[in-house]
Amino acid sequence: MNKTVLIGNLGQDPELTYTPSGTAVCKFSIAVATWKKDTAPDWFNIVSWNKLAETCGTYLKKGQKVAVEGRIVVNKYTAKDGSNRTSYEIHINEMEMLSSKKEANEQDAVNSDEVEEHPF
């Protein structure tokens, strides 16, 4: 069974786009704390589709805490330098916002002062 559940904070505002056929696709990354306190978080690339993608693109903002559930998708490709590469994404079918509106507004104020974003 390929099932993944993650709770973390968004690293940047989601990117909502549409395929040529009109299907909504939303991509964002989340930082998930590790069990060890002084360790950097693990970063995961998240992809949502259709109505869920539109919801994520509309309501999620950088810094918000979310819970996502989905499956791991492995992408194998050849890089520009000719080497074989592998990337991993979590394609989600459920998302729950865990930050309160007050926390989200406070985070927006903090984020407006920040410059660095985690690259997707």
N, C-alpha and C. Protein backbone atom coordinates (compact mmCIF):
# COMPACT_ATOMS: atom_id res chain seq x y z
N MET A 1 0.84 -1.17 0.00
CA MET A 1 0.00 0.00 0.00
C MET A 1 0.89 1.24 0.00
N ASN A 2 0.61 2.20 -0.85
CA ASN A 2 1.36 3.43 -0.98
C ASN A 2 0.49 4.56 -0.40
N LYS A 3 0.67 4.86 0.88
CA LYS A 3 -0.10 5.89 1.55
C LYS A 3 0.83 6.70 2.45
N THR A 4 0.72 8.03 2.36
CA THR A 4 1.57 8.91 3.12
C THR A 4 0.72 9.97 3.80
N VAL A 5 1.00 10.22 5.07
CA VAL A 5 0.35 11.29 5.82
C VAL A 5 1.45 12.16 6.40
N LEU A 6 1.37 13.47 6.14
CA LEU A 6 2.38 14.42 6.61
C LEU A 6 1.70 15.63 7.25
N ILE A 7 2.34 16.17 8.28
CA ILE A 7 1.92 17.44 8.88
C ILE A 7 3.12 18.35 8.86
N GLY A 8 2.96 19.53 8.29
CA GLY A 8 4.07 20.46 8.22
C GLY A 8 3.61 21.86 7.85
N ASN A 9 4.60 22.73 7.62
CA ASN A 9 4.33 24.12 7.29
C ASN A 9 4.75 24.40 5.86
N LEU A 10 3.92 25.20 5.15
CA LEU A 10 4.22 25.54 3.77
C LEU A 10 5.49 26.37 3.68
N GLY A 11 6.35 26.03 2.71
CA GLY A 11 7.60 26.75 2.50
C GLY A 11 7.44 27.96 1.62
N GLN A 12 6.39 28.02 0.84
CA GLN A 12 6.09 29.18 -0.01
C GLN A 12 4.61 29.12 -0.37
N ASP A 13 4.11 30.22 -0.93
CA ASP A 13 2.72 30.20 -1.40
C ASP A 13 2.58 29.15 -2.50
N PRO A 14 1.45 28.46 -2.55
CA PRO A 14 1.24 27.44 -3.59
C PRO A 14 1.22 28.06 -4.98
N GLU A 15 1.60 27.24 -5.98
CA GLU A 15 1.58 27.65 -7.39
C GLU A 15 0.44 26.90 -8.07
N LEU A 16 -0.63 27.61 -8.40
CA LEU A 16 -1.79 27.02 -9.07
C LEU A 16 -1.69 27.28 -10.56
N THR A 17 -1.70 26.21 -11.35
CA THR A 17 -1.68 26.32 -12.81
C THR A 17 -2.75 25.40 -13.38
N TYR A 18 -2.92 25.46 -14.68
CA TYR A 18 -3.89 24.61 -15.37
C TYR A 18 -3.21 23.94 -16.56
N THR A 19 -3.54 22.66 -16.76
CA THR A 19 -3.02 21.95 -17.93
C THR A 19 -3.72 22.48 -19.17
N PRO A 20 -3.20 22.18 -20.38
CA PRO A 20 -3.87 22.62 -21.60
C PRO A 20 -5.34 22.15 -21.69
N SER A 21 -5.65 21.03 -21.05
CA SER A 21 -7.04 20.54 -21.09
C SER A 21 -7.91 21.16 -20.01
N GLY A 22 -7.33 22.05 -19.16
CA GLY A 22 -8.10 22.76 -18.16
C GLY A 22 -8.10 22.15 -16.77
N THR A 23 -7.29 21.13 -16.53
CA THR A 23 -7.21 20.50 -15.21
C THR A 23 -6.34 21.35 -14.28
N ALA A 24 -6.87 21.66 -13.10
CA ALA A 24 -6.12 22.45 -12.13
C ALA A 24 -5.04 21.60 -11.47
N VAL A 25 -3.84 22.18 -11.32
CA VAL A 25 -2.71 21.53 -10.66
C VAL A 25 -2.10 22.56 -9.70
N CYS A 26 -1.92 22.16 -8.44
CA CYS A 26 -1.33 23.06 -7.46
C CYS A 26 -0.12 22.38 -6.85
N LYS A 27 1.01 23.11 -6.80
CA LYS A 27 2.25 22.58 -6.25
C LYS A 27 2.73 23.49 -5.12
N PHE A 28 3.23 22.84 -4.07
CA PHE A 28 3.84 23.56 -2.96
C PHE A 28 4.73 22.60 -2.20
N SER A 29 5.55 23.14 -1.31
CA SER A 29 6.41 22.29 -0.49
C SER A 29 6.05 22.51 0.97
N ILE A 30 6.26 21.47 1.78
CA ILE A 30 6.05 21.61 3.21
C ILE A 30 7.30 21.12 3.95
N ALA A 31 7.56 21.78 5.07
CA ALA A 31 8.65 21.39 5.96
C ALA A 31 8.04 20.59 7.11
N VAL A 32 8.56 19.39 7.31
CA VAL A 32 8.06 18.49 8.35
C VAL A 32 9.16 18.33 9.40
N ALA A 33 8.82 18.65 10.63
CA ALA A 33 9.80 18.55 11.72
C ALA A 33 10.23 17.10 11.90
N THR A 34 11.48 16.91 12.22
CA THR A 34 11.99 15.57 12.52
C THR A 34 11.86 15.31 14.01
N TRP A 35 12.09 14.10 14.41
CA TRP A 35 11.96 13.74 15.82
C TRP A 35 13.08 14.32 16.67
N LYS A 36 14.18 14.70 16.04
CA LYS A 36 15.32 15.26 16.76
C LYS A 36 15.22 16.79 16.74
N LYS A 37 15.23 17.43 17.89
CA LYS A 37 14.94 18.86 18.00
C LYS A 37 15.88 19.77 17.21
N ASP A 38 17.17 19.53 17.22
CA ASP A 38 18.11 20.44 16.58
C ASP A 38 18.45 20.06 15.15
N THR A 39 17.56 19.34 14.51
CA THR A 39 17.78 18.88 13.14
C THR A 39 16.89 19.68 12.19
N ALA A 40 17.42 19.98 11.02
CA ALA A 40 16.63 20.70 10.01
C ALA A 40 15.42 19.86 9.61
N PRO A 41 14.33 20.50 9.22
CA PRO A 41 13.14 19.75 8.83
C PRO A 41 13.36 19.01 7.51
N ASP A 42 12.54 18.02 7.27
CA ASP A 42 12.51 17.33 5.97
C ASP A 42 11.54 18.09 5.07
N TRP A 43 11.92 18.29 3.81
CA TRP A 43 11.08 19.01 2.85
C TRP A 43 10.44 18.02 1.89
N PHE A 44 9.17 18.23 1.59
CA PHE A 44 8.42 17.37 0.67
C PHE A 44 7.71 18.24 -0.36
N ASN A 45 7.81 17.82 -1.63
CA ASN A 45 7.08 18.48 -2.71
C ASN A 45 5.70 17.86 -2.81
N ILE A 46 4.67 18.72 -2.77
CA ILE A 46 3.28 18.28 -2.74
C ILE A 46 2.60 18.70 -4.04
N VAL A 47 1.76 17.82 -4.60
CA VAL A 47 1.00 18.12 -5.81
C VAL A 47 -0.46 17.74 -5.55
N SER A 48 -1.36 18.65 -5.89
CA SER A 48 -2.79 18.35 -5.80
C SER A 48 -3.43 18.63 -7.16
N TRP A 49 -4.58 18.03 -7.40
CA TRP A 49 -5.24 18.09 -8.70
C TRP A 49 -6.70 18.50 -8.55
N ASN A 50 -7.26 19.03 -9.63
CA ASN A 50 -8.69 19.32 -9.76
C ASN A 50 -9.19 20.29 -8.69
N LYS A 51 -10.33 19.99 -8.08
CA LYS A 51 -10.95 20.89 -7.10
C LYS A 51 -10.05 21.10 -5.88
N LEU A 52 -9.38 20.04 -5.43
CA LEU A 52 -8.47 20.17 -4.29
C LEU A 52 -7.34 21.15 -4.63
N ALA A 53 -6.85 21.11 -5.87
CA ALA A 53 -5.80 22.03 -6.30
C ALA A 53 -6.29 23.47 -6.21
N GLU A 54 -7.51 23.72 -6.64
CA GLU A 54 -8.07 25.07 -6.58
C GLU A 54 -8.23 25.52 -5.13
N THR A 55 -8.66 24.62 -4.26
CA THR A 55 -8.79 24.93 -2.84
C THR A 55 -7.43 25.27 -2.24
N CYS A 56 -6.42 24.45 -2.52
CA CYS A 56 -5.07 24.71 -2.01
C CYS A 56 -4.55 26.05 -2.52
N GLY A 57 -4.72 26.31 -3.80
CA GLY A 57 -4.23 27.55 -4.39
C GLY A 57 -4.93 28.78 -3.84
N THR A 58 -6.19 28.65 -3.44
CA THR A 58 -6.96 29.78 -2.94
C THR A 58 -6.71 30.06 -1.47
N TYR A 59 -6.64 29.02 -0.66
CA TYR A 59 -6.65 29.21 0.80
C TYR A 59 -5.31 29.02 1.51
N LEU A 60 -4.36 28.34 0.90
CA LEU A 60 -3.09 28.11 1.58
C LEU A 60 -2.12 29.25 1.34
N LYS A 61 -1.32 29.55 2.36
CA LYS A 61 -0.30 30.60 2.28
C LYS A 61 0.98 30.11 2.95
N LYS A 62 2.08 30.70 2.58
CA LYS A 62 3.38 30.37 3.15
C LYS A 62 3.32 30.43 4.67
N GLY A 63 3.88 29.41 5.32
CA GLY A 63 3.96 29.37 6.78
C GLY A 63 2.82 28.64 7.46
N GLN A 64 1.68 28.47 6.76
CA GLN A 64 0.54 27.79 7.38
C GLN A 64 0.85 26.32 7.64
N LYS A 65 0.28 25.79 8.72
CA LYS A 65 0.41 24.38 9.05
C LYS A 65 -0.73 23.61 8.38
N VAL A 66 -0.38 22.51 7.69
CA VAL A 66 -1.36 21.68 7.01
C VAL A 66 -1.07 20.20 7.27
N ALA A 67 -2.12 19.42 7.15
CA ALA A 67 -2.00 17.96 7.14
C ALA A 67 -2.40 17.53 5.73
N VAL A 68 -1.61 16.65 5.14
CA VAL A 68 -1.92 16.15 3.80
C VAL A 68 -1.87 14.63 3.81
N GLU A 69 -2.68 14.03 2.96
CA GLU A 69 -2.68 12.58 2.80
C GLU A 69 -2.68 12.27 1.31
N GLY A 70 -1.82 11.35 0.92
CA GLY A 70 -1.74 10.99 -0.48
C GLY A 70 -0.80 9.82 -0.69
N ARG A 71 -0.15 9.82 -1.86
CA ARG A 71 0.74 8.72 -2.20
C ARG A 71 2.04 9.28 -2.77
N ILE A 72 3.10 8.50 -2.61
CA ILE A 72 4.40 8.89 -3.14
C ILE A 72 4.45 8.54 -4.62
N VAL A 73 4.88 9.50 -5.43
CA VAL A 73 5.06 9.28 -6.87
C VAL A 73 6.54 9.46 -7.18
N VAL A 74 7.12 8.47 -7.83
CA VAL A 74 8.53 8.48 -8.20
C VAL A 74 8.64 8.88 -9.67
N ASN A 75 9.43 9.90 -9.95
CA ASN A 75 9.66 10.37 -11.32
C ASN A 75 11.11 10.14 -11.68
N LYS A 76 11.35 9.38 -12.73
CA LYS A 76 12.72 9.15 -13.22
C LYS A 76 12.87 9.91 -14.53
N TYR A 77 14.02 10.61 -14.65
CA TYR A 77 14.25 11.40 -15.85
C TYR A 77 15.74 11.53 -16.11
N THR A 78 16.08 12.00 -17.30
CA THR A 78 17.47 12.26 -17.66
C THR A 78 17.71 13.75 -17.58
N ALA A 79 18.69 14.15 -16.80
CA ALA A 79 19.02 15.56 -16.61
C ALA A 79 19.72 16.10 -17.85
N LYS A 80 19.87 17.42 -17.90
CA LYS A 80 20.53 18.07 -19.03
C LYS A 80 21.95 17.58 -19.23
N ASP A 81 22.60 17.19 -18.12
CA ASP A 81 23.98 16.71 -18.23
C ASP A 81 24.06 15.23 -18.62
N GLY A 82 22.90 14.62 -18.87
CA GLY A 82 22.86 13.22 -19.31
C GLY A 82 22.76 12.21 -18.19
N SER A 83 22.82 12.65 -16.95
CA SER A 83 22.74 11.72 -15.83
C SER A 83 21.28 11.35 -15.55
N ASN A 84 21.10 10.14 -15.05
CA ASN A 84 19.76 9.69 -14.66
C ASN A 84 19.43 10.22 -13.27
N ARG A 85 18.26 10.77 -13.12
CA ARG A 85 17.83 11.37 -11.86
C ARG A 85 16.49 10.79 -11.43
N THR A 86 16.23 10.92 -10.14
CA THR A 86 14.96 10.50 -9.57
C THR A 86 14.45 11.60 -8.66
N SER A 87 13.17 11.93 -8.78
CA SER A 87 12.56 12.89 -7.87
C SER A 87 11.30 12.25 -7.27
N TYR A 88 10.91 12.77 -6.13
CA TYR A 88 9.76 12.22 -5.42
C TYR A 88 8.77 13.34 -5.14
N GLU A 89 7.50 13.06 -5.33
CA GLU A 89 6.43 13.99 -5.01
C GLU A 89 5.37 13.25 -4.21
N ILE A 90 4.62 14.00 -3.43
CA ILE A 90 3.47 13.44 -2.73
C ILE A 90 2.24 13.99 -3.45
N HIS A 91 1.51 13.12 -4.14
CA HIS A 91 0.26 13.50 -4.80
C HIS A 91 -0.86 13.28 -3.80
N ILE A 92 -1.49 14.39 -3.39
CA ILE A 92 -2.44 14.30 -2.29
C ILE A 92 -3.88 14.18 -2.78
N ASN A 93 -4.68 13.54 -1.95
CA ASN A 93 -6.13 13.47 -2.20
C ASN A 93 -6.92 14.06 -1.04
N GLU A 94 -6.22 14.44 0.04
CA GLU A 94 -6.85 15.11 1.17
C GLU A 94 -5.90 16.15 1.74
N MET A 95 -6.48 17.26 2.22
CA MET A 95 -5.70 18.32 2.83
C MET A 95 -6.56 18.95 3.92
N GLU A 96 -5.95 19.20 5.06
CA GLU A 96 -6.65 19.88 6.15
C GLU A 96 -5.78 21.02 6.65
N MET A 97 -6.37 22.22 6.70
CA MET A 97 -5.65 23.38 7.22
C MET A 97 -5.66 23.30 8.74
N LEU A 98 -4.49 23.40 9.36
CA LEU A 98 -4.38 23.28 10.80
C LEU A 98 -4.12 24.61 11.51
N SER A 99 -3.73 25.64 10.76
CA SER A 99 -3.51 26.96 11.35
C SER A 99 -4.85 27.66 11.50
N SER A 100 -5.02 28.37 12.61
CA SER A 100 -6.22 29.17 12.78
C SER A 100 -6.11 30.41 11.90
N LYS A 101 -7.22 31.11 11.67
CA LYS A 101 -7.17 32.33 10.87
C LYS A 101 -6.25 33.36 11.51
N LYS A 102 -6.27 33.45 12.84
CA LYS A 102 -5.41 34.39 13.55
C LYS A 102 -3.94 34.05 13.30
N GLU A 103 -3.59 32.77 13.43
CA GLU A 103 -2.21 32.34 13.18
C GLU A 103 -1.80 32.62 11.75
N ALA A 104 -2.71 32.38 10.81
CA ALA A 104 -2.42 32.62 9.39
C ALA A 104 -2.16 34.10 9.14
N ASN A 105 -2.98 34.98 9.74
CA ASN A 105 -2.78 36.42 9.57
C ASN A 105 -1.47 36.87 10.20
N GLU A 106 -1.13 36.34 11.38
CA GLU A 106 0.14 36.67 12.02
C GLU A 106 1.30 36.19 11.17
N GLN A 107 1.18 35.00 10.59
CA GLN A 107 2.24 34.44 9.75
C GLN A 107 2.41 35.29 8.50
N ASP A 108 1.30 35.79 7.91
CA ASP A 108 1.39 36.66 6.75
C ASP A 108 2.22 37.90 7.07
N ALA A 109 2.02 38.47 8.26
CA ALA A 109 2.77 39.66 8.66
C ALA A 109 4.26 39.33 8.79
N VAL A 110 4.59 38.19 9.36
CA VAL A 110 5.98 37.76 9.49
C VAL A 110 6.57 37.49 8.12
N ASN A 111 5.83 36.80 7.25
CA ASN A 111 6.34 36.43 5.93
C ASN A 111 6.60 37.63 5.04
N SER A 112 5.86 38.71 5.22
CA SER A 112 6.06 39.88 4.38
C SER A 112 7.43 40.51 4.64
N ASP A 113 8.03 40.22 5.80
CA ASP A 113 9.36 40.74 6.12
C ASP A 113 10.48 39.79 5.68
N GLU A 114 10.15 38.56 5.32
CA GLU A 114 11.17 37.56 4.94
C GLU A 114 11.48 37.67 3.46
N VAL A 115 12.68 37.28 3.09
CA VAL A 115 13.09 37.31 1.71
C VAL A 115 13.27 35.91 1.14
N GLU A 116 13.87 35.01 1.92
CA GLU A 116 14.22 33.68 1.45
C GLU A 116 13.00 32.75 1.41
N GLU A 117 12.86 32.03 0.32
CA GLU A 117 11.83 31.02 0.18
C GLU A 117 12.49 29.71 -0.18
N HIS A 118 11.84 28.60 0.21
CA HIS A 118 12.36 27.29 -0.17
C HIS A 118 12.02 27.04 -1.64
N PRO A 119 13.01 26.72 -2.47
CA PRO A 119 12.72 26.47 -3.88
C PRO A 119 11.95 25.17 -4.06
N PHE A 120 11.05 25.17 -5.01
CA PHE A 120 10.23 23.98 -5.28
C PHE A 120 11.03 22.98 -6.07
